Amino acid sequence: MKYGNPLLWLILLLPFGCNPAKKATGRKLVVVWQPSHQTDTGKDFSEAATCNAIVEAAMGTAPGLREYKVWSLGKTDYHHADSGSNTRILHTSAVLDGKISGYAFELQESNKKKPRVFISVHNNGGTKRNAVWGYIHYGDKYEADNRELAAALVRAISEVSGMENRGVLLDSTTGRNDYRCATTGKLSFYSLDEQVNTAPYRVLLEIGDNAASRAILTDPEKQKLIGEAIKKALVEWMNTKYEVRGTKYEVRLTCLEQSPLRRGCFLTPNLPLPAGRQLTTNTF
């Protein structure tokens, strides 16, 4: 049986031992954004402010998904709530004086939302490159799909900003600091570790360098363009074609905007299903 892209393989459920829906349904999409909370990177530069502006622009771009932002900036109940590296134990998984870290708080809040997609937004530093990088977690079952998503986001950012596209890298290749994934034993980004983050699709973006890209990163119009580009690329990635038992189904986003309570998007197929069968997904 050919399933095509494993990102969102579709299953036809037979009515034995289950309650098939009367019509095709899709699960509501949840996306969580994690802008950097770091205020200590770069000289006279706030990575937190820059990344938050990009995330706010992305969240404000149509279509409106069920989107949430997790951000520890300004919270006093957590250590390293406005600083710290995503790759250091001391700044992430460590408990200091009974307090968890800002990163740990953000991931706990994200997991409560049960997102299918998690996007962390940061700025690089010390690279001397006006560039954009995408990072994904090494070794989990969604690695290939995350690479596709990260590549699409990096490409979109590069196109609207003029930054060099540095492609997609595994977090195990960072070669910095000491946080390691318990499963693989390799160096990792805390926010991408599947032992910490329950979202299947997880990408960390390093957008620009706080010195080489400063003019772009601190320009409100550029921040808006980058945020819009990320959102559009994300939605395009969600609109993917699949094949089940020789029948091609095109899964489309159907978005509701009637009220805040009804706001959200659903995946729906382009073709009717056989009677008594339900279209489901293993992702969204």
C-alpha atoms as a PDB file:
ATOM      1  CA  MET A   1       0.000   0.000   0.000  1.00  0.00           C
ATOM      2  CA  LYS A   2       1.392   3.365  -0.970  1.00  0.00           C
ATOM      3  CA  TYR A   3       0.862   6.149   1.525  1.00  0.00           C
ATOM      4  CA  GLY A   4       2.962   8.848  -0.133  1.00  0.00           C
ATOM      5  CA  ASN A   5       4.301  11.477   2.223  1.00  0.00           C
ATOM      6  CA  PRO A   6       4.234  10.018   5.783  1.00  0.00           C
ATOM      7  CA  LEU A   7       3.620  13.524   7.162  1.00  0.00           C
ATOM      8  CA  LEU A   8      -0.108  13.057   7.246  1.00  0.00           C
ATOM      9  CA  TRP A   9      -0.993   9.540   6.142  1.00  0.00           C
ATOM     10  CA  LEU A  10      -4.685   8.892   5.965  1.00  0.00           C
ATOM     11  CA  ILE A  11      -6.502   5.816   7.226  1.00  0.00           C
ATOM     12  CA  LEU A  12      -9.824   4.453   6.050  1.00  0.00           C
ATOM     13  CA  LEU A  13     -11.477   2.981   9.112  1.00  0.00           C
ATOM     14  CA  LEU A  14     -13.774   0.010   8.562  1.00  0.00           C
ATOM     15  CA  PRO A  15     -16.929   0.039  10.704  1.00  0.00           C
ATOM     16  CA  PHE A  16     -15.891  -3.019  12.707  1.00  0.00           C
ATOM     17  CA  GLY A  17     -15.428  -2.280  16.387  1.00  0.00           C
ATOM     18  CA  CYS A  18     -15.716   1.481  15.964  1.00  0.00           C
ATOM     19  CA  ASN A  19     -18.264   4.205  15.487  1.00  0.00           C
ATOM     20  CA  PRO A  20     -17.669   5.595  12.005  1.00  0.00           C
ATOM     21  CA  ALA A  21     -18.629   9.220  11.458  1.00  0.00           C
ATOM     22  CA  LYS A  22     -21.415  10.020   9.030  1.00  0.00           C
ATOM     23  CA  LYS A  23     -19.082  12.278   7.101  1.00  0.00           C
ATOM     24  CA  ALA A  24     -15.373  12.927   6.736  1.00  0.00           C
ATOM     25  CA  THR A  25     -13.882  14.880   9.583  1.00  0.00           C
ATOM     26  CA  GLY A  26     -10.532  16.404  10.473  1.00  0.00           C
ATOM     27  CA  ARG A  27      -9.023  17.363  13.774  1.00  0.00           C
ATOM     28  CA  LYS A  28      -8.653  20.985  14.725  1.00  0.00           C
ATOM     29  CA  LEU A  29      -5.146  22.315  14.204  1.00  0.00           C
ATOM     30  CA  VAL A  30      -3.127  23.678  17.113  1.00  0.00           C
ATOM     31  CA  VAL A  31       0.113  25.596  16.574  1.00  0.00           C
ATOM     32  CA  VAL A  32       2.374  26.829  19.382  1.00  0.00           C
ATOM     33  CA  TRP A  33       4.931  29.577  18.889  1.00  0.00           C
ATOM     34  CA  GLN A  34       7.931  30.022  21.190  1.00  0.00           C
ATOM     35  CA  PRO A  35       9.689  33.349  20.624  1.00  0.00           C
ATOM     36  CA  SER A  36      13.088  33.691  22.258  1.00  0.00           C
ATOM     37  CA  HIS A  37      12.968  35.217  25.735  1.00  0.00           C
ATOM     38  CA  GLN A  38      16.667  36.088  25.650  1.00  0.00           C
ATOM     39  CA  THR A  39      17.556  39.702  26.374  1.00  0.00           C
ATOM     40  CA  ASP A  40      21.281  39.083  26.875  1.00  0.00           C
ATOM     41  CA  THR A  41      22.394  38.249  23.328  1.00  0.00           C
ATOM     42  CA  GLY A  42      24.176  40.877  21.272  1.00  0.00           C
ATOM     43  CA  LYS A  43      25.170  44.413  22.147  1.00  0.00           C
ATOM     44  CA  ASP A  44      22.289  46.878  22.418  1.00  0.00           C
ATOM     45  CA  PHE A  45      20.021  44.223  20.966  1.00  0.00           C
ATOM     46  CA  SER A  46      16.961  42.414  22.333  1.00  0.00           C
ATOM     47  CA  GLU A  47      16.500  39.021  20.765  1.00  0.00           C
ATOM     48  CA  ALA A  48      13.303  38.654  22.773  1.00  0.00           C
ATOM     49  CA  ALA A  49      11.765  41.814  21.324  1.00  0.00           C
ATOM     50  CA  THR A  50      12.799  40.954  17.764  1.00  0.00           C
ATOM     51  CA  CYS A  51      11.542  37.367  17.852  1.00  0.00           C
ATOM     52  CA  ASN A  52       8.324  38.302  19.595  1.00  0.00           C
ATOM     53  CA  ALA A  53       7.578  40.857  16.866  1.00  0.00           C
ATOM     54  CA  ILE A  54       8.090  38.182  14.202  1.00  0.00           C
ATOM     55  CA  VAL A  55       5.852  35.715  16.040  1.00  0.00           C
ATOM     56  CA  GLU A  56       3.122  38.305  16.594  1.00  0.00           C
ATOM     57  CA  ALA A  57       3.190  39.099  12.868  1.00  0.00           C
ATOM     58  CA  ALA A  58       2.910  35.403  12.029  1.00  0.00           C
ATOM     59  CA  MET A  59      -0.005  34.882  14.408  1.00  0.00           C
ATOM     60  CA  GLY A  60      -1.746  37.930  12.975  1.00  0.00           C
ATOM     61  CA  THR A  61      -1.519  36.649   9.400  1.00  0.00           C
ATOM     62  CA  ALA A  62      -4.523  34.849   7.891  1.00  0.00           C
ATOM     63  CA  PRO A  63      -5.737  32.208   8.134  1.00  0.00           C
ATOM     64  CA  GLY A  64      -6.340  32.248  11.858  1.00  0.00           C
ATOM     65  CA  LEU A  65      -5.411  28.879  13.303  1.00  0.00           C
ATOM     66  CA  ARG A  66      -5.723  27.804  16.909  1.00  0.00           C
ATOM     67  CA  GLU A  67      -2.441  29.453  17.814  1.00  0.00           C
ATOM     68  CA  TYR A  68      -0.780  30.068  21.160  1.00  0.00           C
ATOM     69  CA  LYS A  69       2.393  31.804  22.258  1.00  0.00           C
ATOM     70  CA  VAL A  70       4.500  30.509  25.152  1.00  0.00           C
ATOM     71  CA  TRP A  71       6.867  33.107  26.592  1.00  0.00           C
ATOM     72  CA  SER A  72       8.494  33.407  30.007  1.00  0.00           C
ATOM     73  CA  LEU A  73       9.769  36.982  29.609  1.00  0.00           C
ATOM     74  CA  GLY A  74       9.047  39.061  32.697  1.00  0.00           C
ATOM     75  CA  LYS A  75       7.914  36.131  34.849  1.00  0.00           C
ATOM     76  CA  THR A  76       9.650  36.006  38.219  1.00  0.00           C
ATOM     77  CA  ASP A  77       8.654  32.491  39.271  1.00  0.00           C
ATOM     78  CA  TYR A  78      11.213  30.863  36.959  1.00  0.00           C
ATOM     79  CA  HIS A  79      14.978  31.035  36.662  1.00  0.00           C
ATOM     80  CA  HIS A  80      16.474  32.233  33.378  1.00  0.00           C
ATOM     81  CA  ALA A  81      13.091  33.600  32.343  1.00  0.00           C
ATOM     82  CA  ASP A  82      14.719  36.325  30.238  1.00  0.00           C
ATOM     83  CA  SER A  83      18.090  34.773  29.416  1.00  0.00           C
ATOM     84  CA  GLY A  84      19.872  31.480  28.920  1.00  0.00           C
ATOM     85  CA  SER A  85      20.706  29.035  26.163  1.00  0.00           C
ATOM     86  CA  ASN A  86      18.402  26.356  24.760  1.00  0.00           C
ATOM     87  CA  THR A  87      21.380  23.979  24.792  1.00  0.00           C
ATOM     88  CA  ARG A  88      22.554  24.246  28.421  1.00  0.00           C
ATOM     89  CA  ILE A  89      21.312  22.053  31.268  1.00  0.00           C
ATOM     90  CA  LEU A  90      21.696  24.906  33.752  1.00  0.00           C
ATOM     91  CA  HIS A  91      19.345  27.089  31.704  1.00  0.00           C
ATOM     92  CA  THR A  92      16.769  24.454  30.741  1.00  0.00           C
ATOM     93  CA  SER A  93      16.212  21.226  32.688  1.00  0.00           C
ATOM     94  CA  ALA A  94      17.887  22.296  35.935  1.00  0.00           C
ATOM     95  CA  VAL A  95      15.803  23.196  38.988  1.00  0.00           C
ATOM     96  CA  LEU A  96      17.397  26.042  40.966  1.00  0.00           C
ATOM     97  CA  ASP A  97      16.167  26.995  44.429  1.00  0.00           C
ATOM     98  CA  GLY A  98      12.967  25.081  43.745  1.00  0.00           C
ATOM     99  CA  LYS A  99      12.302  26.935  40.475  1.00  0.00           C
ATOM    100  CA  ILE A 100      12.085  25.467  36.999  1.00  0.00           C
ATOM    101  CA  SER A 101      13.543  27.400  34.076  1.00  0.00           C
ATOM    102  CA  GLY A 102      11.778  29.757  31.705  1.00  0.00           C
ATOM    103  CA  TYR A 103      12.282  27.183  28.957  1.00  0.00           C
ATOM    104  CA  ALA A 104      10.733  24.437  31.084  1.00  0.00           C
ATOM    105  CA  PHE A 105       7.745  26.667  31.853  1.00  0.00           C
ATOM    106  CA  GLU A 106       7.259  27.403  28.147  1.00  0.00           C
ATOM    107  CA  LEU A 107       7.348  23.728  27.201  1.00  0.00           C
ATOM    108  CA  GLN A 108       4.931  22.791  29.978  1.00  0.00           C
ATOM    109  CA  GLU A 109       2.507  25.434  28.729  1.00  0.00           C
ATOM    110  CA  SER A 110       2.939  24.249  25.149  1.00  0.00           C
ATOM    111  CA  ASN A 111       2.248  20.616  26.016  1.00  0.00           C
ATOM    112  CA  LYS A 112      -0.993  21.611  27.750  1.00  0.00           C
ATOM    113  CA  LYS A 113      -2.260  22.896  24.390  1.00  0.00           C
ATOM    114  CA  LYS A 114      -1.482  19.568  22.672  1.00  0.00           C
ATOM    115  CA  PRO A 115      -0.095  21.187  19.524  1.00  0.00           C
ATOM    116  CA  ARG A 116       0.634  19.368  16.308  1.00  0.00           C
ATOM    117  CA  VAL A 117       3.141  22.031  15.242  1.00  0.00           C
ATOM    118  CA  PHE A 118       5.681  23.843  17.445  1.00  0.00           C
ATOM    119  CA  ILE A 119       7.848  26.644  16.047  1.00  0.00           C
ATOM    120  CA  SER A 120      10.621  28.233  18.101  1.00  0.00           C
ATOM    121  CA  VAL A 121      12.013  31.540  16.818  1.00  0.00           C
ATOM    122  CA  HIS A 122      15.516  32.787  17.672  1.00  0.00           C
ATOM    123  CA  ASN A 123      18.324  34.937  16.287  1.00  0.00           C
ATOM    124  CA  ASN A 124      21.839  33.650  15.819  1.00  0.00           C
ATOM    125  CA  GLY A 125      24.998  35.413  16.947  1.00  0.00           C
ATOM    126  CA  GLY A 126      28.700  35.406  16.211  1.00  0.00           C
ATOM    127  CA  THR A 127      28.295  33.811  12.786  1.00  0.00           C
ATOM    128  CA  LYS A 128      29.201  36.905  10.706  1.00  0.00           C
ATOM    129  CA  ARG A 129      26.518  35.741   8.281  1.00  0.00           C
ATOM    130  CA  ASN A 130      23.344  37.508   7.222  1.00  0.00           C
ATOM    131  CA  ALA A 131      21.559  34.193   7.016  1.00  0.00           C
ATOM    132  CA  VAL A 132      18.729  31.989   8.275  1.00  0.00           C
ATOM    133  CA  TRP A 133      19.027  28.432   9.612  1.00  0.00           C
ATOM    134  CA  GLY A 134      16.478  25.766  10.447  1.00  0.00           C
ATOM    135  CA  TYR A 135      17.043  23.168  13.158  1.00  0.00           C
ATOM    136  CA  ILE A 136      15.214  19.903  13.760  1.00  0.00           C
ATOM    137  CA  HIS A 137      15.644  17.145  16.316  1.00  0.00           C
ATOM    138  CA  TYR A 138      17.858  14.184  15.524  1.00  0.00           C
ATOM    139  CA  GLY A 139      16.530  10.645  15.521  1.00  0.00           C
ATOM    140  CA  ASP A 140      12.787  10.752  16.148  1.00  0.00           C
ATOM    141  CA  LYS A 141      10.159   9.348  13.791  1.00  0.00           C
ATOM    142  CA  TYR A 142       9.119  12.777  12.493  1.00  0.00           C
ATOM    143  CA  GLU A 143      12.628  13.815  11.462  1.00  0.00           C
ATOM    144  CA  ALA A 144      11.947  13.641   7.705  1.00  0.00           C
ATOM    145  CA  ASP A 145       8.684  15.587   7.979  1.00  0.00           C
ATOM    146  CA  ASN A 146      10.277  18.199  10.219  1.00  0.00           C
ATOM    147  CA  ARG A 147      13.046  18.621   7.672  1.00  0.00           C
ATOM    148  CA  GLU A 148      10.441  19.395   4.995  1.00  0.00           C
ATOM    149  CA  LEU A 149       8.687  21.909   7.223  1.00  0.00           C
ATOM    150  CA  ALA A 150      11.907  23.599   8.320  1.00  0.00           C
ATOM    151  CA  ALA A 151      13.138  23.821   4.722  1.00  0.00           C
ATOM    152  CA  ALA A 152       9.891  25.489   3.643  1.00  0.00           C
ATOM    153  CA  LEU A 153      10.063  28.048   6.459  1.00  0.00           C
ATOM    154  CA  VAL A 154      13.745  28.843   5.916  1.00  0.00           C
ATOM    155  CA  ARG A 155      13.198  29.255   2.181  1.00  0.00           C
ATOM    156  CA  ALA A 156      10.267  31.619   2.744  1.00  0.00           C
ATOM    157  CA  ILE A 157      12.233  33.772   5.196  1.00  0.00           C
ATOM    158  CA  SER A 158      15.222  33.933   2.857  1.00  0.00           C
ATOM    159  CA  GLU A 159      13.065  35.023  -0.067  1.00  0.00           C
ATOM    160  CA  VAL A 160      11.439  37.979   1.703  1.00  0.00           C
ATOM    161  CA  SER A 161      14.461  39.128   3.723  1.00  0.00           C
ATOM    162  CA  GLY A 162      17.377  38.561   1.381  1.00  0.00           C
ATOM    163  CA  MET A 163      19.135  36.485   4.052  1.00  0.00           C
ATOM    164  CA  GLU A 164      21.268  33.587   2.890  1.00  0.00           C
ATOM    165  CA  ASN A 165      19.474  30.244   3.073  1.00  0.00           C
ATOM    166  CA  ARG A 166      21.710  28.006   5.177  1.00  0.00           C
ATOM    167  CA  GLY A 167      19.322  25.081   5.016  1.00  0.00           C
ATOM    168  CA  VAL A 168      18.229  22.631   7.692  1.00  0.00           C
ATOM    169  CA  LEU A 169      20.547  21.186  10.318  1.00  0.00           C
ATOM    170  CA  LEU A 170      20.129  18.550  13.008  1.00  0.00           C
ATOM    171  CA  ASP A 171      20.297  19.866  16.550  1.00  0.00           C
ATOM    172  CA  SER A 172      22.884  17.180  17.282  1.00  0.00           C
ATOM    173  CA  THR A 173      25.335  19.033  15.007  1.00  0.00           C
ATOM    174  CA  THR A 174      25.413  22.236  17.057  1.00  0.00           C
ATOM    175  CA  GLY A 175      28.505  21.091  18.961  1.00  0.00           C
ATOM    176  CA  ARG A 176      27.786  23.495  21.789  1.00  0.00           C
ATOM    177  CA  ASN A 177      27.007  23.338  25.478  1.00  0.00           C
ATOM    178  CA  ASP A 178      25.833  20.246  27.349  1.00  0.00           C
ATOM    179  CA  TYR A 179      22.112  19.485  27.038  1.00  0.00           C
ATOM    180  CA  ARG A 180      21.608  15.993  25.603  1.00  0.00           C
ATOM    181  CA  CYS A 181      18.587  14.037  24.461  1.00  0.00           C
ATOM    182  CA  ALA A 182      17.982  11.108  26.816  1.00  0.00           C
ATOM    183  CA  THR A 183      16.956   8.864  23.916  1.00  0.00           C
ATOM    184  CA  THR A 184      19.928   9.386  21.602  1.00  0.00           C
ATOM    185  CA  GLY A 185      22.525  10.682  24.045  1.00  0.00           C
ATOM    186  CA  LYS A 186      23.403  13.371  21.500  1.00  0.00           C
ATOM    187  CA  LEU A 187      23.608  17.112  21.978  1.00  0.00           C
ATOM    188  CA  SER A 188      20.200  18.661  21.475  1.00  0.00           C
ATOM    189  CA  PHE A 189      18.034  21.737  21.705  1.00  0.00           C
ATOM    190  CA  TYR A 190      15.883  21.399  24.816  1.00  0.00           C
ATOM    191  CA  SER A 191      12.843  22.804  22.993  1.00  0.00           C
ATOM    192  CA  LEU A 192      13.095  20.152  20.252  1.00  0.00           C
ATOM    193  CA  ASP A 193      13.671  17.112  22.458  1.00  0.00           C
ATOM    194  CA  GLU A 194      10.773  14.662  22.055  1.00  0.00           C
ATOM    195  CA  GLN A 195      11.168  13.739  25.743  1.00  0.00           C
ATOM    196  CA  VAL A 196      10.277  17.354  26.598  1.00  0.00           C
ATOM    197  CA  ASN A 197       8.093  18.555  23.726  1.00  0.00           C
ATOM    198  CA  THR A 198       5.079  16.401  22.816  1.00  0.00           C
ATOM    199  CA  ALA A 199       4.325  18.135  19.488  1.00  0.00           C
ATOM    200  CA  PRO A 200       5.167  15.794  16.601  1.00  0.00           C
ATOM    201  CA  TYR A 201       6.304  18.637  14.331  1.00  0.00           C
ATOM    202  CA  ARG A 202       8.991  20.780  15.933  1.00  0.00           C
ATOM    203  CA  VAL A 203      11.238  23.336  14.273  1.00  0.00           C
ATOM    204  CA  LEU A 204      13.654  25.896  15.681  1.00  0.00           C
ATOM    205  CA  LEU A 205      14.503  28.844  13.447  1.00  0.00           C
ATOM    206  CA  GLU A 206      17.657  30.929  13.802  1.00  0.00           C
ATOM    207  CA  ILE A 207      16.671  34.048  11.860  1.00  0.00           C
ATOM    208  CA  GLY A 208      19.605  36.280  11.058  1.00  0.00           C
ATOM    209  CA  ASP A 209      22.667  37.183  13.106  1.00  0.00           C
ATOM    210  CA  ASN A 210      22.332  39.833  15.796  1.00  0.00           C
ATOM    211  CA  ALA A 211      25.284  41.721  14.312  1.00  0.00           C
ATOM    212  CA  ALA A 212      25.369  40.867  10.591  1.00  0.00           C
ATOM    213  CA  SER A 213      21.576  41.094  10.215  1.00  0.00           C
ATOM    214  CA  ARG A 214      20.875  43.854  12.729  1.00  0.00           C
ATOM    215  CA  ALA A 215      19.402  46.320  10.212  1.00  0.00           C
ATOM    216  CA  ILE A 216      16.875  43.712   9.052  1.00  0.00           C
ATOM    217  CA  LEU A 217      16.054  42.289  12.469  1.00  0.00           C
ATOM    218  CA  THR A 218      15.350  45.666  14.056  1.00  0.00           C
ATOM    219  CA  ASP A 219      13.203  46.958  11.177  1.00  0.00           C
ATOM    220  CA  PRO A 220       9.487  46.614  12.081  1.00  0.00           C
ATOM    221  CA  GLU A 221       8.506  46.258   8.416  1.00  0.00           C
ATOM    222  CA  LYS A 222      11.016  43.457   7.897  1.00  0.00           C
ATOM    223  CA  GLN A 223       9.837  41.754  11.077  1.00  0.00           C
ATOM    224  CA  LYS A 224       6.298  41.840   9.732  1.00  0.00           C
ATOM    225  CA  LEU A 225       7.325  40.499   6.326  1.00  0.00           C
ATOM    226  CA  ILE A 226       9.246  37.639   7.919  1.00  0.00           C
ATOM    227  CA  GLY A 227       6.354  36.735  10.210  1.00  0.00           C
ATOM    228  CA  GLU A 228       3.883  36.773   7.332  1.00  0.00           C
ATOM    229  CA  ALA A 229       6.194  34.622   5.215  1.00  0.00           C
ATOM    230  CA  ILE A 230       6.538  32.035   7.990  1.00  0.00           C
ATOM    231  CA  LYS A 231       2.768  31.753   8.402  1.00  0.00           C
ATOM    232  CA  LYS A 232       2.094  31.453   4.674  1.00  0.00           C
ATOM    233  CA  ALA A 233       4.762  28.783   4.284  1.00  0.00           C
ATOM    234  CA  LEU A 234       3.348  26.885   7.263  1.00  0.00           C
ATOM    235  CA  VAL A 235      -0.151  26.860   5.764  1.00  0.00           C
ATOM    236  CA  GLU A 236       1.173  25.778   2.369  1.00  0.00           C
ATOM    237  CA  TRP A 237       3.027  22.933   4.063  1.00  0.00           C
ATOM    238  CA  MET A 238      -0.223  21.832   5.692  1.00  0.00           C
ATOM    239  CA  ASN A 239      -1.951  21.748   2.315  1.00  0.00           C
ATOM    240  CA  THR A 240      -0.345  18.539   1.141  1.00  0.00           C
ATOM    241  CA  LYS A 241      -1.540  15.802  -1.232  1.00  0.00           C
ATOM    242  CA  TYR A 242      -1.721  12.174  -0.150  1.00  0.00           C
ATOM    243  CA  GLU A 243      -2.599   8.851  -1.727  1.00  0.00           C
ATOM    244  CA  VAL A 244      -4.523   6.015  -0.050  1.00  0.00           C
ATOM    245  CA  ARG A 245      -5.191   2.671  -1.760  1.00  0.00           C
ATOM    246  CA  GLY A 246      -4.775   4.216  -5.185  1.00  0.00           C
ATOM    247  CA  THR A 247      -7.155   7.104  -4.510  1.00  0.00           C
ATOM    248  CA  LYS A 248      -5.662  10.569  -4.302  1.00  0.00           C
ATOM    249  CA  TYR A 249      -7.029  12.804  -1.578  1.00  0.00           C
ATOM    250  CA  GLU A 250      -6.118  16.445  -1.403  1.00  0.00           C
ATOM    251  CA  VAL A 251      -6.316  17.689   2.167  1.00  0.00           C
ATOM    252  CA  ARG A 252      -7.278  21.351   2.455  1.00  0.00           C
ATOM    253  CA  LEU A 253      -7.451  23.808   5.308  1.00  0.00           C
ATOM    254  CA  THR A 254     -10.983  24.971   6.019  1.00  0.00           C
ATOM    255  CA  CYS A 255     -10.923  27.942   8.367  1.00  0.00           C
ATOM    256  CA  LEU A 256     -13.630  29.375  10.589  1.00  0.00           C
ATOM    257  CA  GLU A 257     -13.611  32.999  11.682  1.00  0.00           C
ATOM    258  CA  GLN A 258     -17.170  33.512  12.973  1.00  0.00           C
ATOM    259  CA  SER A 259     -16.114  34.239  16.546  1.00  0.00           C
ATOM    260  CA  PRO A 260     -13.124  33.721  18.837  1.00  0.00           C
ATOM    261  CA  LEU A 261     -14.780  30.609  20.246  1.00  0.00           C
ATOM    262  CA  ARG A 262     -15.215  29.091  16.786  1.00  0.00           C
ATOM    263  CA  ARG A 263     -11.917  30.258  15.411  1.00  0.00           C
ATOM    264  CA  GLY A 264      -9.775  27.531  13.942  1.00  0.00           C
ATOM    265  CA  CYS A 265      -8.973  25.422  10.915  1.00  0.00           C
ATOM    266  CA  PHE A 266      -9.780  21.873   9.925  1.00  0.00           C
ATOM    267  CA  LEU A 267      -8.319  19.476   7.395  1.00  0.00           C
ATOM    268  CA  THR A 268     -10.939  18.189   4.970  1.00  0.00           C
ATOM    269  CA  PRO A 269     -10.647  15.884   1.934  1.00  0.00           C
ATOM    270  CA  ASN A 270     -11.513  16.916  -1.601  1.00  0.00           C
ATOM    271  CA  LEU A 271     -13.307  13.636  -2.441  1.00  0.00           C
ATOM    272  CA  PRO A 272     -16.258  11.893  -0.765  1.00  0.00           C
ATOM    273  CA  LEU A 273     -15.469   8.749   1.182  1.00  0.00           C
ATOM    274  CA  PRO A 274     -17.161   5.374   0.764  1.00  0.00           C
ATOM    275  CA  ALA A 275     -20.267   4.908   2.921  1.00  0.00           C
ATOM    276  CA  GLY A 276     -19.555   3.944   6.503  1.00  0.00           C
ATOM    277  CA  ARG A 277     -15.923   4.959   6.427  1.00  0.00           C
ATOM    278  CA  GLN A 278     -14.159   7.790   8.163  1.00  0.00           C
ATOM    279  CA  LEU A 279     -11.179   9.829   7.085  1.00  0.00           C
ATOM    280  CA  THR A 280      -8.802  10.417   9.967  1.00  0.00           C
ATOM    281  CA  THR A 281      -5.201  11.527  10.312  1.00  0.00           C
ATOM    282  CA  ASN A 282      -2.321  10.581  12.539  1.00  0.00           C
ATOM    283  CA  THR A 283      -1.291  14.174  12.919  1.00  0.00           C
ATOM    284  CA  PHE A 284      -3.567  17.191  12.786  1.00  0.00           C
END
